[in-house]
Amino acid sequence: MDGKSRKDIYPGLEVDIILKKDQRSGKLTRGIVASLLTSAAFHSRGIKVRLEDGQIGRVAAVMNDN
């Protein structure tokens, strides 16, 4: 999954995100979703989330999907 649909993202899910400071380089940060910040059902650049460690970014990829 690419993380563009809100229905695919939920707390506890392991994801790769792109932080604002890393948008140009495309560097990914892996973590566990704590909360969803995007209220729209779909976002072309990825759903914005807060990770359990407090970092905020847009979901680039979903690691596990159980």
PDB file of N, CA and C in Angstrom:
ATOM      1  N   MET A   1       0.830  -1.191   0.000  1.00  0.00           N
ATOM      2  CA  MET A   1       0.000   0.000   0.000  1.00  0.00           C
ATOM      3  C   MET A   1       0.869   1.246   0.000  1.00  0.00           C
ATOM      4  N   ASP A   2       0.315   2.295  -0.544  1.00  0.00           N
ATOM      5  CA  ASP A   2       1.090   3.525  -0.675  1.00  0.00           C
ATOM      6  C   ASP A   2       0.758   4.596   0.354  1.00  0.00           C
ATOM      7  N   GLY A   3      -0.249   4.391   1.194  1.00  0.00           N
ATOM      8  CA  GLY A   3      -0.548   5.333   2.254  1.00  0.00           C
ATOM      9  C   GLY A   3      -1.321   6.566   1.846  1.00  0.00           C
ATOM     10  N   LYS A   4      -1.991   6.528   0.714  1.00  0.00           N
ATOM     11  CA  LYS A   4      -2.747   7.689   0.242  1.00  0.00           C
ATOM     12  C   LYS A   4      -4.217   7.651   0.654  1.00  0.00           C
ATOM     13  N   SER A   5      -4.716   6.489   1.077  1.00  0.00           N
ATOM     14  CA  SER A   5      -6.104   6.348   1.515  1.00  0.00           C
ATOM     15  C   SER A   5      -6.163   6.228   3.031  1.00  0.00           C
ATOM     16  N   ARG A   6      -6.987   7.056   3.639  1.00  0.00           N
ATOM     17  CA  ARG A   6      -7.098   7.088   5.104  1.00  0.00           C
ATOM     18  C   ARG A   6      -7.608   5.762   5.664  1.00  0.00           C
ATOM     19  N   LYS A   7      -8.460   5.065   4.919  1.00  0.00           N
ATOM     20  CA  LYS A   7      -9.027   3.801   5.403  1.00  0.00           C
ATOM     21  C   LYS A   7      -7.967   2.715   5.590  1.00  0.00           C
ATOM     22  N   ASP A   8      -6.798   2.863   4.958  1.00  0.00           N
ATOM     23  CA  ASP A   8      -5.727   1.868   5.060  1.00  0.00           C
ATOM     24  C   ASP A   8      -4.774   2.120   6.224  1.00  0.00           C
ATOM     25  N   ILE A   9      -4.902   3.277   6.871  1.00  0.00           N
ATOM     26  CA  ILE A   9      -3.969   3.681   7.926  1.00  0.00           C
ATOM     27  C   ILE A   9      -4.704   3.706   9.263  1.00  0.00           C
ATOM     28  N   TYR A  10      -4.081   3.150  10.305  1.00  0.00           N
ATOM     29  CA  TYR A  10      -4.696   3.131  11.629  1.00  0.00           C
ATOM     30  C   TYR A  10      -3.595   3.077  12.693  1.00  0.00           C
ATOM     31  N   PRO A  11      -3.906   3.521  13.914  1.00  0.00           N
ATOM     32  CA  PRO A  11      -2.910   3.475  14.996  1.00  0.00           C
ATOM     33  C   PRO A  11      -2.388   2.064  15.223  1.00  0.00           C
ATOM     34  N   GLY A  12      -1.079   1.967  15.457  1.00  0.00           N
ATOM     35  CA  GLY A  12      -0.441   0.678  15.677  1.00  0.00           C
ATOM     36  C   GLY A  12       0.195   0.094  14.428  1.00  0.00           C
ATOM     37  N   LEU A  13      -0.078   0.697  13.280  1.00  0.00           N
ATOM     38  CA  LEU A  13       0.450   0.212  12.007  1.00  0.00           C
ATOM     39  C   LEU A  13       1.888   0.686  11.819  1.00  0.00           C
ATOM     40  N   GLU A  14       2.771  -0.192  11.335  1.00  0.00           N
ATOM     41  CA  GLU A  14       4.152   0.187  11.043  1.00  0.00           C
ATOM     42  C   GLU A  14       4.216   0.765   9.636  1.00  0.00           C
ATOM     43  N   VAL A  15       4.770   1.974   9.535  1.00  0.00           N
ATOM     44  CA  VAL A  15       4.814   2.675   8.254  1.00  0.00           C
ATOM     45  C   VAL A  15       6.166   3.362   8.050  1.00  0.00           C
ATOM     46  N   ASP A  16       6.443   3.708   6.799  1.00  0.00           N
ATOM     47  CA  ASP A  16       7.542   4.606   6.460  1.00  0.00           C
ATOM     48  C   ASP A  16       6.915   5.942   6.134  1.00  0.00           C
ATOM     49  N   ILE A  17       7.450   7.020   6.727  1.00  0.00           N
ATOM     50  CA  ILE A  17       6.940   8.356   6.433  1.00  0.00           C
ATOM     51  C   ILE A  17       8.057   9.230   5.877  1.00  0.00           C
ATOM     52  N   ILE A  18       7.653  10.308   5.234  1.00  0.00           N
ATOM     53  CA  ILE A  18       8.588  11.325   4.789  1.00  0.00           C
ATOM     54  C   ILE A  18       8.351  12.551   5.655  1.00  0.00           C
ATOM     55  N   LEU A  19       9.367  12.934   6.418  1.00  0.00           N
ATOM     56  CA  LEU A  19       9.281  14.129   7.248  1.00  0.00           C
ATOM     57  C   LEU A  19       9.367  15.369   6.359  1.00  0.00           C
ATOM     58  N   LYS A  20       8.832  16.486   6.832  1.00  0.00           N
ATOM     59  CA  LYS A  20       8.843  17.744   6.072  1.00  0.00           C
ATOM     60  C   LYS A  20      10.275  18.095   5.647  1.00  0.00           C
ATOM     61  N   LYS A  21      11.228  17.970   6.559  1.00  0.00           N
ATOM     62  CA  LYS A  21      12.622  18.340   6.268  1.00  0.00           C
ATOM     63  C   LYS A  21      13.269  17.404   5.240  1.00  0.00           C
ATOM     64  N   ASP A  22      12.689  16.218   5.045  1.00  0.00           N
ATOM     65  CA  ASP A  22      13.259  15.228   4.129  1.00  0.00           C
ATOM     66  C   ASP A  22      12.524  15.143   2.793  1.00  0.00           C
ATOM     67  N   GLN A  23      11.597  16.071   2.528  1.00  0.00           N
ATOM     68  CA  GLN A  23      10.807  15.997   1.295  1.00  0.00           C
ATOM     69  C   GLN A  23      11.679  16.075   0.044  1.00  0.00           C
ATOM     70  N   ARG A  24      12.686  16.912   0.060  1.00  0.00           N
ATOM     71  CA  ARG A  24      13.556  17.040  -1.129  1.00  0.00           C
ATOM     72  C   ARG A  24      14.388  15.788  -1.373  1.00  0.00           C
ATOM     73  N   SER A  25      14.940  15.218  -0.293  1.00  0.00           N
ATOM     74  CA  SER A  25      15.808  14.045  -0.434  1.00  0.00           C
ATOM     75  C   SER A  25      15.002  12.753  -0.566  1.00  0.00           C
ATOM     76  N   GLY A  26      13.790  12.733  -0.012  1.00  0.00           N
ATOM     77  CA  GLY A  26      12.971  11.525  -0.066  1.00  0.00           C
ATOM     78  C   GLY A  26      13.339  10.498   0.988  1.00  0.00           C
ATOM     79  N   LYS A  27      14.166  10.900   1.983  1.00  0.00           N
ATOM     80  CA  LYS A  27      14.577   9.992   3.053  1.00  0.00           C
ATOM     81  C   LYS A  27      13.354   9.542   3.849  1.00  0.00           C
ATOM     82  N   LEU A  28      13.277   8.241   4.111  1.00  0.00           N
ATOM     83  CA  LEU A  28      12.144   7.663   4.830  1.00  0.00           C
ATOM     84  C   LEU A  28      12.487   7.442   6.300  1.00  0.00           C
ATOM     85  N   THR A  29      11.480   7.578   7.139  1.00  0.00           N
ATOM     86  CA  THR A  29      11.603   7.327   8.571  1.00  0.00           C
ATOM     87  C   THR A  29      10.565   6.277   8.940  1.00  0.00           C
ATOM     88  N   ARG A  30      10.995   5.215   9.594  1.00  0.00           N
ATOM     89  CA  ARG A  30      10.071   4.135   9.956  1.00  0.00           C
ATOM     90  C   ARG A  30       9.584   4.310  11.385  1.00  0.00           C
ATOM     91  N   GLY A  31       8.311   3.990  11.594  1.00  0.00           N
ATOM     92  CA  GLY A  31       7.764   4.081  12.939  1.00  0.00           C
ATOM     93  C   GLY A  31       6.366   3.506  13.008  1.00  0.00           C
ATOM     94  N   ILE A  32       5.780   3.606  14.193  1.00  0.00           N
ATOM     95  CA  ILE A  32       4.434   3.093  14.463  1.00  0.00           C
ATOM     96  C   ILE A  32       3.481   4.285  14.556  1.00  0.00           C
ATOM     97  N   VAL A  33       2.354   4.204  13.849  1.00  0.00           N
ATOM     98  CA  VAL A  33       1.364   5.282  13.838  1.00  0.00           C
ATOM     99  C   VAL A  33       0.731   5.427  15.218  1.00  0.00           C
ATOM    100  N   ALA A  34       0.744   6.661  15.739  1.00  0.00           N
ATOM    101  CA  ALA A  34       0.052   6.966  16.996  1.00  0.00           C
ATOM    102  C   ALA A  34      -1.299   7.593  16.697  1.00  0.00           C
ATOM    103  N   SER A  35      -1.337   8.506  15.703  1.00  0.00           N
ATOM    104  CA  SER A  35      -2.608   9.141  15.341  1.00  0.00           C
ATOM    105  C   SER A  35      -2.560   9.644  13.909  1.00  0.00           C
ATOM    106  N   LEU A  36      -3.748   9.765  13.315  1.00  0.00           N
ATOM    107  CA  LEU A  36      -3.887  10.292  11.964  1.00  0.00           C
ATOM    108  C   LEU A  36      -4.202  11.779  12.051  1.00  0.00           C
ATOM    109  N   LEU A  37      -3.536  12.578  11.236  1.00  0.00           N
ATOM    110  CA  LEU A  37      -3.727  14.022  11.262  1.00  0.00           C
ATOM    111  C   LEU A  37      -4.502  14.527  10.051  1.00  0.00           C
ATOM    112  N   THR A  38      -4.534  13.762   8.976  1.00  0.00           N
ATOM    113  CA  THR A  38      -5.305  14.129   7.788  1.00  0.00           C
ATOM    114  C   THR A  38      -6.738  13.652   7.965  1.00  0.00           C
ATOM    115  N   SER A  39      -7.692  14.583   7.798  1.00  0.00           N
ATOM    116  CA  SER A  39      -9.095  14.196   7.968  1.00  0.00           C
ATOM    117  C   SER A  39      -9.742  13.735   6.663  1.00  0.00           C
ATOM    118  N   ALA A  40      -9.150  14.095   5.523  1.00  0.00           N
ATOM    119  CA  ALA A  40      -9.699  13.705   4.228  1.00  0.00           C
ATOM    120  C   ALA A  40      -9.542  12.199   4.011  1.00  0.00           C
ATOM    121  N   ALA A  41     -10.430  11.610   3.215  1.00  0.00           N
ATOM    122  CA  ALA A  41     -10.379  10.170   2.937  1.00  0.00           C
ATOM    123  C   ALA A  41      -9.199   9.798   2.049  1.00  0.00           C
ATOM    124  N   PHE A  42      -8.701  10.765   1.256  1.00  0.00           N
ATOM    125  CA  PHE A  42      -7.598  10.511   0.319  1.00  0.00           C
ATOM    126  C   PHE A  42      -6.714  11.751   0.253  1.00  0.00           C
ATOM    127  N   HIS A  43      -5.400  11.549   0.151  1.00  0.00           N
ATOM    128  CA  HIS A  43      -4.477  12.660  -0.066  1.00  0.00           C
ATOM    129  C   HIS A  43      -3.417  12.206  -1.048  1.00  0.00           C
ATOM    130  N   SER A  44      -3.212  12.985  -2.096  1.00  0.00           N
ATOM    131  CA  SER A  44      -2.318  12.582  -3.190  1.00  0.00           C
ATOM    132  C   SER A  44      -0.861  12.417  -2.767  1.00  0.00           C
ATOM    133  N   ARG A  45      -0.427  13.114  -1.725  1.00  0.00           N
ATOM    134  CA  ARG A  45       0.966  12.990  -1.271  1.00  0.00           C
ATOM    135  C   ARG A  45       1.113  12.074  -0.062  1.00  0.00           C
ATOM    136  N   GLY A  46       0.010  11.496   0.401  1.00  0.00           N
ATOM    137  CA  GLY A  46       0.054  10.584   1.543  1.00  0.00           C
ATOM    138  C   GLY A  46      -0.652  11.164   2.749  1.00  0.00           C
ATOM    139  N   ILE A  47      -1.228  10.286   3.549  1.00  0.00           N
ATOM    140  CA  ILE A  47      -1.931  10.682   4.766  1.00  0.00           C
ATOM    141  C   ILE A  47      -0.907  11.139   5.809  1.00  0.00           C
ATOM    142  N   LYS A  48      -1.165  12.288   6.438  1.00  0.00           N
ATOM    143  CA  LYS A  48      -0.252  12.798   7.459  1.00  0.00           C
ATOM    144  C   LYS A  48      -0.555  12.115   8.782  1.00  0.00           C
ATOM    145  N   VAL A  49       0.507  11.626   9.444  1.00  0.00           N
ATOM    146  CA  VAL A  49       0.360  10.914  10.709  1.00  0.00           C
ATOM    147  C   VAL A  49       1.391  11.401  11.724  1.00  0.00           C
ATOM    148  N   ARG A  50       1.094  11.113  12.996  1.00  0.00           N
ATOM    149  CA  ARG A  50       2.062  11.320  14.073  1.00  0.00           C
ATOM    150  C   ARG A  50       2.504   9.935  14.512  1.00  0.00           C
ATOM    151  N   LEU A  51       3.813   9.735  14.590  1.00  0.00           N
ATOM    152  CA  LEU A  51       4.342   8.460  15.052  1.00  0.00           C
ATOM    153  C   LEU A  51       4.368   8.422  16.578  1.00  0.00           C
ATOM    154  N   GLU A  52       4.556   7.245  17.139  1.00  0.00           N
ATOM    155  CA  GLU A  52       4.603   7.092  18.592  1.00  0.00           C
ATOM    156  C   GLU A  52       5.728   7.899  19.220  1.00  0.00           C
ATOM    157  N   ASP A  53       6.802   8.158  18.467  1.00  0.00           N
ATOM    158  CA  ASP A  53       7.914   8.957  19.012  1.00  0.00           C
ATOM    159  C   ASP A  53       7.717  10.464  18.806  1.00  0.00           C
ATOM    160  N   GLY A  54       6.552  10.856  18.260  1.00  0.00           N
ATOM    161  CA  GLY A  54       6.220  12.272  18.126  1.00  0.00           C
ATOM    162  C   GLY A  54       6.514  12.891  16.768  1.00  0.00           C
ATOM    163  N   GLN A  55       7.224  12.181  15.907  1.00  0.00           N
ATOM    164  CA  GLN A  55       7.528  12.723  14.580  1.00  0.00           C
ATOM    165  C   GLN A  55       6.270  12.744  13.713  1.00  0.00           C
ATOM    166  N   ILE A  56       6.195  13.775  12.855  1.00  0.00           N
ATOM    167  CA  ILE A  56       5.032  13.948  11.986  1.00  0.00           C
ATOM    168  C   ILE A  56       5.489  13.956  10.535  1.00  0.00           C
ATOM    169  N   GLY A  57       4.760  13.212   9.697  1.00  0.00           N
ATOM    170  CA  GLY A  57       5.077  13.178   8.278  1.00  0.00           C
ATOM    171  C   GLY A  57       3.976  12.484   7.497  1.00  0.00           C
ATOM    172  N   ARG A  58       4.183  12.403   6.185  1.00  0.00           N
ATOM    173  CA  ARG A  58       3.200  11.773   5.307  1.00  0.00           C
ATOM    174  C   ARG A  58       3.620  10.329   5.019  1.00  0.00           C
ATOM    175  N   VAL A  59       2.642   9.431   5.036  1.00  0.00           N
ATOM    176  CA  VAL A  59       2.903   8.006   4.834  1.00  0.00           C
ATOM    177  C   VAL A  59       3.347   7.770   3.389  1.00  0.00           C
ATOM    178  N   ALA A  60       4.504   7.130   3.251  1.00  0.00           N
ATOM    179  CA  ALA A  60       5.035   6.776   1.928  1.00  0.00           C
ATOM    180  C   ALA A  60       4.784   5.300   1.641  1.00  0.00           C
ATOM    181  N   ALA A  61       4.811   4.477   2.690  1.00  0.00           N
ATOM    182  CA  ALA A  61       4.620   3.032   2.505  1.00  0.00           C
ATOM    183  C   ALA A  61       4.138   2.416   3.811  1.00  0.00           C
ATOM    184  N   VAL A  62       3.365   1.343   3.683  1.00  0.00           N
ATOM    185  CA  VAL A  62       2.872   0.586   4.827  1.00  0.00           C
ATOM    186  C   VAL A  62       3.686  -0.700   4.923  1.00  0.00           C
ATOM    187  N   MET A  63       4.255  -0.971   6.101  1.00  0.00           N
ATOM    188  CA  MET A  63       5.134  -2.128   6.270  1.00  0.00           C
ATOM    189  C   MET A  63       4.364  -3.406   6.547  1.00  0.00           C
ATOM    190  N   ASN A  64       3.449  -3.382   7.519  1.00  0.00           N
ATOM    191  CA  ASN A  64       2.674  -4.586   7.832  1.00  0.00           C
ATOM    192  C   ASN A  64       1.197  -4.302   7.648  1.00  0.00           C
ATOM    193  N   ASP A  65       0.467  -5.292   7.230  1.00  0.00           N
ATOM    194  CA  ASP A  65      -0.952  -5.100   6.931  1.00  0.00           C
ATOM    195  C   ASP A  65      -1.726  -6.329   7.392  1.00  0.00           C
ATOM    196  N   ASN A  66      -1.978  -6.404   8.720  1.00  0.00           N
ATOM    197  CA  ASN A  66      -2.694  -7.581   9.210  1.00  0.00           C
ATOM    198  C   ASN A  66      -4.122  -7.236   9.432  1.00  0.00           C
TER     199      ASN A  66
END
